[in-house]
PDB file of all heavy atoms in Angstrom:
ATOM      1  N   SER A   1      25.698 -14.508  -3.734  1.00  0.00           N
ATOM      2  CA  SER A   1      25.543 -13.183  -3.217  1.00  0.00           C
ATOM      3  C   SER A   1      24.081 -12.676  -3.213  1.00  0.00           C
ATOM      4  O   SER A   1      23.783 -11.582  -2.738  1.00  0.00           O
ATOM      5  CB  SER A   1      26.323 -12.207  -4.111  1.00  0.00           C
ATOM      6  OG  SER A   1      25.797 -12.095  -5.398  1.00  0.00           O
ATOM      7  N   ALA A   2      23.171 -13.561  -3.738  1.00  0.00           N
ATOM      8  CA  ALA A   2      21.762 -13.139  -3.904  1.00  0.00           C
ATOM      9  C   ALA A   2      21.147 -13.057  -2.601  1.00  0.00           C
ATOM     10  O   ALA A   2      21.287 -13.888  -1.744  1.00  0.00           O
ATOM     11  CB  ALA A   2      21.068 -14.075  -4.838  1.00  0.00           C
ATOM     12  N   ILE A   3      20.293 -11.933  -2.327  1.00  0.00           N
ATOM     13  CA  ILE A   3      19.613 -11.824  -1.072  1.00  0.00           C
ATOM     14  C   ILE A   3      18.078 -12.097  -1.434  1.00  0.00           C
ATOM     15  O   ILE A   3      17.565 -11.964  -2.555  1.00  0.00           O
ATOM     16  CB  ILE A   3      19.736 -10.390  -0.541  1.00  0.00           C
ATOM     17  CG1 ILE A   3      19.129  -9.325  -1.473  1.00  0.00           C
ATOM     18  CG2 ILE A   3      21.220 -10.069  -0.374  1.00  0.00           C
ATOM     19  CD1 ILE A   3      19.053  -7.884  -0.833  1.00  0.00           C
ATOM     20  N   LYS A   4      17.342 -12.414  -0.301  1.00  0.00           N
ATOM     21  CA  LYS A   4      15.944 -12.701  -0.466  1.00  0.00           C
ATOM     22  C   LYS A   4      15.156 -11.395  -0.426  1.00  0.00           C
ATOM     23  O   LYS A   4      15.576 -10.452   0.240  1.00  0.00           O
ATOM     24  CB  LYS A   4      15.483 -13.494   0.732  1.00  0.00           C
ATOM     25  CG  LYS A   4      16.014 -14.933   0.743  1.00  0.00           C
ATOM     26  CD  LYS A   4      15.386 -15.745   1.922  1.00  0.00           C
ATOM     27  CE  LYS A   4      15.794 -17.145   1.947  1.00  0.00           C
ATOM     28  NZ  LYS A   4      15.275 -17.883   3.112  1.00  0.00           N
ATOM     29  N   PRO A   5      14.116 -11.289  -1.217  1.00  0.00           N
ATOM     30  CA  PRO A   5      13.099 -10.198  -1.046  1.00  0.00           C
ATOM     31  C   PRO A   5      12.503 -10.140   0.302  1.00  0.00           C
ATOM     32  O   PRO A   5      12.571 -11.077   1.071  1.00  0.00           O
ATOM     33  CB  PRO A   5      12.148 -10.390  -2.203  1.00  0.00           C
ATOM     34  CG  PRO A   5      12.802 -11.509  -3.048  1.00  0.00           C
ATOM     35  CD  PRO A   5      13.674 -12.322  -2.166  1.00  0.00           C
ATOM     36  N   ASP A   6      11.728  -9.099   0.597  1.00  0.00           N
ATOM     37  CA  ASP A   6      11.085  -8.968   1.871  1.00  0.00           C
ATOM     38  C   ASP A   6       9.750  -9.688   2.020  1.00  0.00           C
ATOM     39  O   ASP A   6       9.481 -10.185   3.021  1.00  0.00           O
ATOM     40  CB  ASP A   6      10.743  -7.474   2.124  1.00  0.00           C
ATOM     41  CG  ASP A   6      12.079  -6.613   2.347  1.00  0.00           C
ATOM     42  OD1 ASP A   6      13.073  -7.243   2.861  1.00  0.00           O
ATOM     43  OD2 ASP A   6      12.157  -5.489   2.040  1.00  0.00           O
ATOM     44  N   TYR A   7       8.953  -9.769   0.907  1.00  0.00           N
ATOM     45  CA  TYR A   7       7.647 -10.291   1.114  1.00  0.00           C
ATOM     46  C   TYR A   7       7.039 -10.868  -0.205  1.00  0.00           C
ATOM     47  O   TYR A   7       7.052 -10.121  -1.261  1.00  0.00           O
ATOM     48  CB  TYR A   7       6.746  -8.969   1.532  1.00  0.00           C
ATOM     49  CG  TYR A   7       5.386  -9.270   1.939  1.00  0.00           C
ATOM     50  CD1 TYR A   7       5.019  -9.484   3.360  1.00  0.00           C
ATOM     51  CD2 TYR A   7       4.287  -9.486   1.056  1.00  0.00           C
ATOM     52  CE1 TYR A   7       3.869  -9.724   3.866  1.00  0.00           C
ATOM     53  CE2 TYR A   7       3.046  -9.755   1.595  1.00  0.00           C
ATOM     54  CZ  TYR A   7       2.788  -9.884   2.871  1.00  0.00           C
ATOM     55  OH  TYR A   7       1.511 -10.158   3.412  1.00  0.00           O
ATOM     56  N   SER A   8       6.623 -12.108  -0.133  1.00  0.00           N
ATOM     57  CA  SER A   8       6.087 -12.811  -1.302  1.00  0.00           C
ATOM     58  C   SER A   8       4.567 -12.354  -1.540  1.00  0.00           C
ATOM     59  O   SER A   8       3.888 -12.319  -0.510  1.00  0.00           O
ATOM     60  CB  SER A   8       6.234 -14.311  -1.080  1.00  0.00           C
ATOM     61  OG  SER A   8       5.328 -14.879  -2.034  1.00  0.00           O
ATOM     62  N   LEU A   9       4.310 -12.055  -2.757  1.00  0.00           N
ATOM     63  CA  LEU A   9       2.930 -11.723  -3.107  1.00  0.00           C
ATOM     64  C   LEU A   9       2.213 -12.956  -3.758  1.00  0.00           C
ATOM     65  O   LEU A   9       0.997 -12.873  -3.966  1.00  0.00           O
ATOM     66  CB  LEU A   9       2.983 -10.456  -4.139  1.00  0.00           C
ATOM     67  CG  LEU A   9       3.482  -9.254  -3.642  1.00  0.00           C
ATOM     68  CD1 LEU A   9       3.675  -8.358  -4.804  1.00  0.00           C
ATOM     69  CD2 LEU A   9       2.547  -8.597  -2.557  1.00  0.00           C
ATOM     70  N   GLY A  10       2.889 -13.982  -3.916  1.00  0.00           N
ATOM     71  CA  GLY A  10       2.309 -15.182  -4.602  1.00  0.00           C
ATOM     72  C   GLY A  10       2.872 -15.268  -6.077  1.00  0.00           C
ATOM     73  O   GLY A  10       3.057 -14.148  -6.757  1.00  0.00           O
ATOM     74  N   SER A  11       2.809 -16.370  -6.686  1.00  0.00           N
ATOM     75  CA  SER A  11       3.390 -16.661  -7.960  1.00  0.00           C
ATOM     76  C   SER A  11       2.389 -16.041  -9.051  1.00  0.00           C
ATOM     77  O   SER A  11       1.238 -16.474  -8.965  1.00  0.00           O
ATOM     78  CB  SER A  11       3.775 -17.986  -8.192  1.00  0.00           C
ATOM     79  OG  SER A  11       4.722 -18.395  -7.294  1.00  0.00           O
ATOM     80  N   HIS A  12       2.794 -15.343 -10.054  1.00  0.00           N
ATOM     81  CA  HIS A  12       2.106 -14.978 -11.177  1.00  0.00           C
ATOM     82  C   HIS A  12       0.906 -14.084 -10.916  1.00  0.00           C
ATOM     83  O   HIS A  12       0.105 -13.885 -11.775  1.00  0.00           O
ATOM     84  CB  HIS A  12       1.589 -16.265 -11.920  1.00  0.00           C
ATOM     85  CG  HIS A  12       2.673 -17.337 -12.093  1.00  0.00           C
ATOM     86  ND1 HIS A  12       3.752 -17.115 -12.618  1.00  0.00           N
ATOM     87  CD2 HIS A  12       2.723 -18.646 -11.766  1.00  0.00           C
ATOM     88  CE1 HIS A  12       4.539 -18.340 -12.651  1.00  0.00           C
ATOM     89  NE2 HIS A  12       3.813 -19.224 -12.145  1.00  0.00           N
ATOM     90  N   VAL A  13       0.899 -13.370  -9.807  1.00  0.00           N
ATOM     91  CA  VAL A  13      -0.085 -12.394  -9.593  1.00  0.00           C
ATOM     92  C   VAL A  13       0.026 -11.079 -10.454  1.00  0.00           C
ATOM     93  O   VAL A  13      -0.874 -10.360 -10.721  1.00  0.00           O
ATOM     94  CB  VAL A  13      -0.235 -11.965  -8.167  1.00  0.00           C
ATOM     95  CG1 VAL A  13      -0.550 -13.181  -7.312  1.00  0.00           C
ATOM     96  CG2 VAL A  13       1.068 -11.226  -7.717  1.00  0.00           C
ATOM     97  N   ALA A  14       1.244 -10.942 -10.997  1.00  0.00           N
ATOM     98  CA  ALA A  14       1.636  -9.836 -11.941  1.00  0.00           C
ATOM     99  C   ALA A  14       1.353  -8.491 -11.251  1.00  0.00           C
ATOM    100  O   ALA A  14       0.504  -7.671 -11.758  1.00  0.00           O
ATOM    101  CB  ALA A  14       0.830  -9.879 -13.261  1.00  0.00           C
ATOM    102  N   ALA A  15       2.075  -8.213 -10.185  1.00  0.00           N
ATOM    103  CA  ALA A  15       1.884  -6.869  -9.494  1.00  0.00           C
ATOM    104  C   ALA A  15       2.514  -5.870 -10.375  1.00  0.00           C
ATOM    105  O   ALA A  15       3.627  -5.856 -10.888  1.00  0.00           O
ATOM    106  CB  ALA A  15       2.708  -6.983  -8.172  1.00  0.00           C
ATOM    107  N   LEU A  16       1.674  -4.770 -10.640  1.00  0.00           N
ATOM    108  CA  LEU A  16       2.080  -3.621 -11.506  1.00  0.00           C
ATOM    109  C   LEU A  16       1.990  -2.292 -10.836  1.00  0.00           C
ATOM    110  O   LEU A  16       2.368  -1.320 -11.468  1.00  0.00           O
ATOM    111  CB  LEU A  16       1.241  -3.598 -12.726  1.00  0.00           C
ATOM    112  CG  LEU A  16       1.357  -4.847 -13.658  1.00  0.00           C
ATOM    113  CD1 LEU A  16       0.591  -4.603 -14.959  1.00  0.00           C
ATOM    114  CD2 LEU A  16       2.851  -5.168 -14.015  1.00  0.00           C
ATOM    115  N   GLY A  17       1.527  -2.266  -9.582  1.00  0.00           N
ATOM    116  CA  GLY A  17       1.326  -0.936  -8.879  1.00  0.00           C
ATOM    117  C   GLY A  17       1.627  -1.108  -7.401  1.00  0.00           C
ATOM    118  O   GLY A  17       1.425  -2.101  -6.755  1.00  0.00           O
ATOM    119  N   VAL A  18       2.221   0.048  -6.805  1.00  0.00           N
ATOM    120  CA  VAL A  18       2.469   0.085  -5.426  1.00  0.00           C
ATOM    121  C   VAL A  18       2.423   1.467  -4.891  1.00  0.00           C
ATOM    122  O   VAL A  18       2.891   2.354  -5.619  1.00  0.00           O
ATOM    123  CB  VAL A  18       3.811  -0.643  -5.068  1.00  0.00           C
ATOM    124  CG1 VAL A  18       5.019   0.154  -5.619  1.00  0.00           C
ATOM    125  CG2 VAL A  18       3.965  -0.853  -3.548  1.00  0.00           C
ATOM    126  N   ASP A  19       1.851   1.739  -3.741  1.00  0.00           N
ATOM    127  CA  ASP A  19       1.973   3.092  -3.109  1.00  0.00           C
ATOM    128  C   ASP A  19       1.722   2.848  -1.647  1.00  0.00           C
ATOM    129  O   ASP A  19       1.041   1.975  -1.238  1.00  0.00           O
ATOM    130  CB  ASP A  19       0.916   3.944  -3.702  1.00  0.00           C
ATOM    131  CG  ASP A  19       1.354   5.482  -3.427  1.00  0.00           C
ATOM    132  OD1 ASP A  19       2.458   5.744  -2.807  1.00  0.00           O
ATOM    133  OD2 ASP A  19       0.552   6.389  -3.747  1.00  0.00           O
ATOM    134  N   PHE A  20       2.389   3.781  -0.848  1.00  0.00           N
ATOM    135  CA  PHE A  20       2.233   3.713   0.579  1.00  0.00           C
ATOM    136  C   PHE A  20       0.934   4.456   1.041  1.00  0.00           C
ATOM    137  O   PHE A  20       0.559   5.458   0.461  1.00  0.00           O
ATOM    138  CB  PHE A  20       3.370   4.404   1.263  1.00  0.00           C
ATOM    139  CG  PHE A  20       4.555   3.521   1.332  1.00  0.00           C
ATOM    140  CD1 PHE A  20       5.499   3.423   0.263  1.00  0.00           C
ATOM    141  CD2 PHE A  20       4.841   2.773   2.357  1.00  0.00           C
ATOM    142  CE1 PHE A  20       6.615   2.686   0.286  1.00  0.00           C
ATOM    143  CE2 PHE A  20       5.944   1.888   2.459  1.00  0.00           C
ATOM    144  CZ  PHE A  20       6.801   1.833   1.386  1.00  0.00           C
ATOM    145  N   SER A  21       0.236   3.931   2.017  1.00  0.00           N
ATOM    146  CA  SER A  21      -1.026   4.541   2.497  1.00  0.00           C
ATOM    147  C   SER A  21      -0.655   5.580   3.499  1.00  0.00           C
ATOM    148  O   SER A  21       0.413   5.933   3.900  1.00  0.00           O
ATOM    149  CB  SER A  21      -1.817   3.359   3.169  1.00  0.00           C
ATOM    150  OG  SER A  21      -3.040   3.932   3.473  1.00  0.00           O
ATOM    151  N   THR A  22      -1.761   6.306   3.873  1.00  0.00           N
ATOM    152  CA  THR A  22      -1.676   7.364   4.852  1.00  0.00           C
ATOM    153  C   THR A  22      -2.788   7.208   5.784  1.00  0.00           C
ATOM    154  O   THR A  22      -3.773   6.432   5.596  1.00  0.00           O
ATOM    155  CB  THR A  22      -1.750   8.746   4.212  1.00  0.00           C
ATOM    156  OG1 THR A  22      -3.133   9.026   3.784  1.00  0.00           O
ATOM    157  CG2 THR A  22      -0.695   8.917   3.121  1.00  0.00           C
ATOM    158  N   ALA A  23      -2.794   7.938   6.928  1.00  0.00           N
ATOM    159  CA  ALA A  23      -3.831   7.852   8.053  1.00  0.00           C
ATOM    160  C   ALA A  23      -5.172   8.218   7.418  1.00  0.00           C
ATOM    161  O   ALA A  23      -6.221   7.804   8.006  1.00  0.00           O
ATOM    162  CB  ALA A  23      -3.525   8.729   9.106  1.00  0.00           C
ATOM    163  N   ALA A  24      -5.213   8.997   6.335  1.00  0.00           N
ATOM    164  CA  ALA A  24      -6.490   9.399   5.753  1.00  0.00           C
ATOM    165  C   ALA A  24      -7.269   8.231   5.184  1.00  0.00           C
ATOM    166  O   ALA A  24      -8.508   8.425   4.957  1.00  0.00           O
ATOM    167  CB  ALA A  24      -6.226  10.417   4.544  1.00  0.00           C
ATOM    168  N   MET A  25      -6.646   7.109   5.070  1.00  0.00           N
ATOM    169  CA  MET A  25      -7.240   5.927   4.474  1.00  0.00           C
ATOM    170  C   MET A  25      -7.974   4.992   5.600  1.00  0.00           C
ATOM    171  O   MET A  25      -8.514   3.976   5.339  1.00  0.00           O
ATOM    172  CB  MET A  25      -6.417   4.974   3.724  1.00  0.00           C
ATOM    173  CG  MET A  25      -5.852   5.655   2.327  1.00  0.00           C
ATOM    174  SD  MET A  25      -7.219   6.026   1.229  1.00  0.00           S
ATOM    175  CE  MET A  25      -7.916   4.464   0.838  1.00  0.00           C
ATOM    176  N   GLY A  26      -7.846   5.657   6.808  1.00  0.00           N
ATOM    177  CA  GLY A  26      -8.537   4.841   7.976  1.00  0.00           C
ATOM    178  C   GLY A  26      -7.618   4.016   8.757  1.00  0.00           C
ATOM    179  O   GLY A  26      -6.541   3.617   8.262  1.00  0.00           O
ATOM    180  N   GLU A  27      -8.026   3.779  10.006  1.00  0.00           N
ATOM    181  CA  GLU A  27      -7.062   2.997  10.960  1.00  0.00           C
ATOM    182  C   GLU A  27      -6.577   1.672  10.370  1.00  0.00           C
ATOM    183  O   GLU A  27      -5.444   1.382  10.481  1.00  0.00           O
ATOM    184  CB  GLU A  27      -7.747   2.883  12.221  1.00  0.00           C
ATOM    185  CG  GLU A  27      -6.865   2.174  13.281  1.00  0.00           C
ATOM    186  CD  GLU A  27      -7.534   2.048  14.666  1.00  0.00           C
ATOM    187  OE1 GLU A  27      -8.763   2.595  14.756  1.00  0.00           O
ATOM    188  OE2 GLU A  27      -6.967   1.457  15.557  1.00  0.00           O
ATOM    189  N   LYS A  28      -7.479   0.904   9.808  1.00  0.00           N
ATOM    190  CA  LYS A  28      -7.107  -0.480   9.320  1.00  0.00           C
ATOM    191  C   LYS A  28      -6.133  -0.376   8.182  1.00  0.00           C
ATOM    192  O   LYS A  28      -5.241  -1.251   8.073  1.00  0.00           O
ATOM    193  CB  LYS A  28      -8.377  -1.151   8.978  1.00  0.00           C
ATOM    194  CG  LYS A  28      -8.115  -2.609   8.505  1.00  0.00           C
ATOM    195  CD  LYS A  28      -9.327  -3.311   8.128  1.00  0.00           C
ATOM    196  CE  LYS A  28      -9.101  -4.777   7.635  1.00  0.00           C
ATOM    197  NZ  LYS A  28     -10.299  -5.555   7.412  1.00  0.00           N
ATOM    198  N   PHE A  29      -6.236   0.621   7.434  1.00  0.00           N
ATOM    199  CA  PHE A  29      -5.346   0.826   6.177  1.00  0.00           C
ATOM    200  C   PHE A  29      -4.301   1.943   6.332  1.00  0.00           C
ATOM    201  O   PHE A  29      -3.809   2.430   5.285  1.00  0.00           O
ATOM    202  CB  PHE A  29      -6.213   0.930   5.019  1.00  0.00           C
ATOM    203  CG  PHE A  29      -7.161  -0.218   4.679  1.00  0.00           C
ATOM    204  CD1 PHE A  29      -8.489  -0.059   4.990  1.00  0.00           C
ATOM    205  CD2 PHE A  29      -6.778  -1.427   4.325  1.00  0.00           C
ATOM    206  CE1 PHE A  29      -9.376  -1.094   4.854  1.00  0.00           C
ATOM    207  CE2 PHE A  29      -7.549  -2.491   4.129  1.00  0.00           C
ATOM    208  CZ  PHE A  29      -8.902  -2.386   4.338  1.00  0.00           C
ATOM    209  N   ALA A  30      -4.005   2.307   7.584  1.00  0.00           N
ATOM    210  CA  ALA A  30      -3.195   3.553   7.696  1.00  0.00           C
ATOM    211  C   ALA A  30      -1.705   3.318   7.489  1.00  0.00           C
ATOM    212  O   ALA A  30      -0.971   4.149   6.962  1.00  0.00           O
ATOM    213  CB  ALA A  30      -3.327   4.156   9.114  1.00  0.00           C
ATOM    214  N   GLU A  31      -1.253   2.005   7.719  1.00  0.00           N
ATOM    215  CA  GLU A  31       0.231   1.814   7.739  1.00  0.00           C
ATOM    216  C   GLU A  31       0.490   0.524   6.792  1.00  0.00           C
ATOM    217  O   GLU A  31       0.071  -0.520   7.237  1.00  0.00           O
ATOM    218  CB  GLU A  31       0.771   1.515   9.140  1.00  0.00           C
ATOM    219  CG  GLU A  31       2.302   1.327   9.085  1.00  0.00           C
ATOM    220  CD  GLU A  31       2.854   1.212  10.489  1.00  0.00           C
ATOM    221  OE1 GLU A  31       2.108   1.055  11.485  1.00  0.00           O
ATOM    222  OE2 GLU A  31       4.129   0.994  10.559  1.00  0.00           O
ATOM    223  N   GLY A  32       0.930   0.830   5.676  1.00  0.00           N
ATOM    224  CA  GLY A  32       1.231  -0.241   4.739  1.00  0.00           C
ATOM    225  C   GLY A  32       1.212   0.134   3.350  1.00  0.00           C
ATOM    226  O   GLY A  32       1.267   1.309   3.039  1.00  0.00           O
ATOM    227  N   VAL A  33       1.187  -0.730   2.323  1.00  0.00           N
ATOM    228  CA  VAL A  33       1.163  -0.387   0.951  1.00  0.00           C
ATOM    229  C   VAL A  33      -0.025  -1.015   0.280  1.00  0.00           C
ATOM    230  O   VAL A  33      -0.456  -2.147   0.602  1.00  0.00           O
ATOM    231  CB  VAL A  33       2.356  -0.826   0.242  1.00  0.00           C
ATOM    232  CG1 VAL A  33       3.684  -0.035   0.811  1.00  0.00           C
ATOM    233  CG2 VAL A  33       2.594  -2.371   0.196  1.00  0.00           C
ATOM    234  N   PHE A  34      -0.610  -0.442  -0.776  1.00  0.00           N
ATOM    235  CA  PHE A  34      -1.534  -0.995  -1.619  1.00  0.00           C
ATOM    236  C   PHE A  34      -0.807  -1.489  -2.849  1.00  0.00           C
ATOM    237  O   PHE A  34       0.253  -0.828  -3.218  1.00  0.00           O
ATOM    238  CB  PHE A  34      -2.565   0.067  -2.183  1.00  0.00           C
ATOM    239  CG  PHE A  34      -3.474   0.505  -1.062  1.00  0.00           C
ATOM    240  CD1 PHE A  34      -3.223   1.717  -0.301  1.00  0.00           C
ATOM    241  CD2 PHE A  34      -4.604  -0.265  -0.610  1.00  0.00           C
ATOM    242  CE1 PHE A  34      -4.151   2.212   0.625  1.00  0.00           C
ATOM    243  CE2 PHE A  34      -5.456   0.246   0.395  1.00  0.00           C
ATOM    244  CZ  PHE A  34      -5.130   1.336   1.035  1.00  0.00           C
ATOM    245  N   VAL A  35      -1.246  -2.603  -3.403  1.00  0.00           N
ATOM    246  CA  VAL A  35      -0.516  -3.225  -4.601  1.00  0.00           C
ATOM    247  C   VAL A  35      -1.529  -3.628  -5.531  1.00  0.00           C
ATOM    248  O   VAL A  35      -2.562  -4.260  -5.248  1.00  0.00           O
ATOM    249  CB  VAL A  35       0.242  -4.504  -4.131  1.00  0.00           C
ATOM    250  CG1 VAL A  35       0.857  -5.269  -5.416  1.00  0.00           C
ATOM    251  CG2 VAL A  35       1.353  -4.231  -3.074  1.00  0.00           C
TER     252      VAL A  35
END
């Protein structure tokens, strides 16, 4: 029954933060998340 996650960040990077960007961060970083 297990499903796959959406996106690998790499092993052991220890991701501890996430937030969605906005257009105020500029065109290159407008759509996506910071980790």
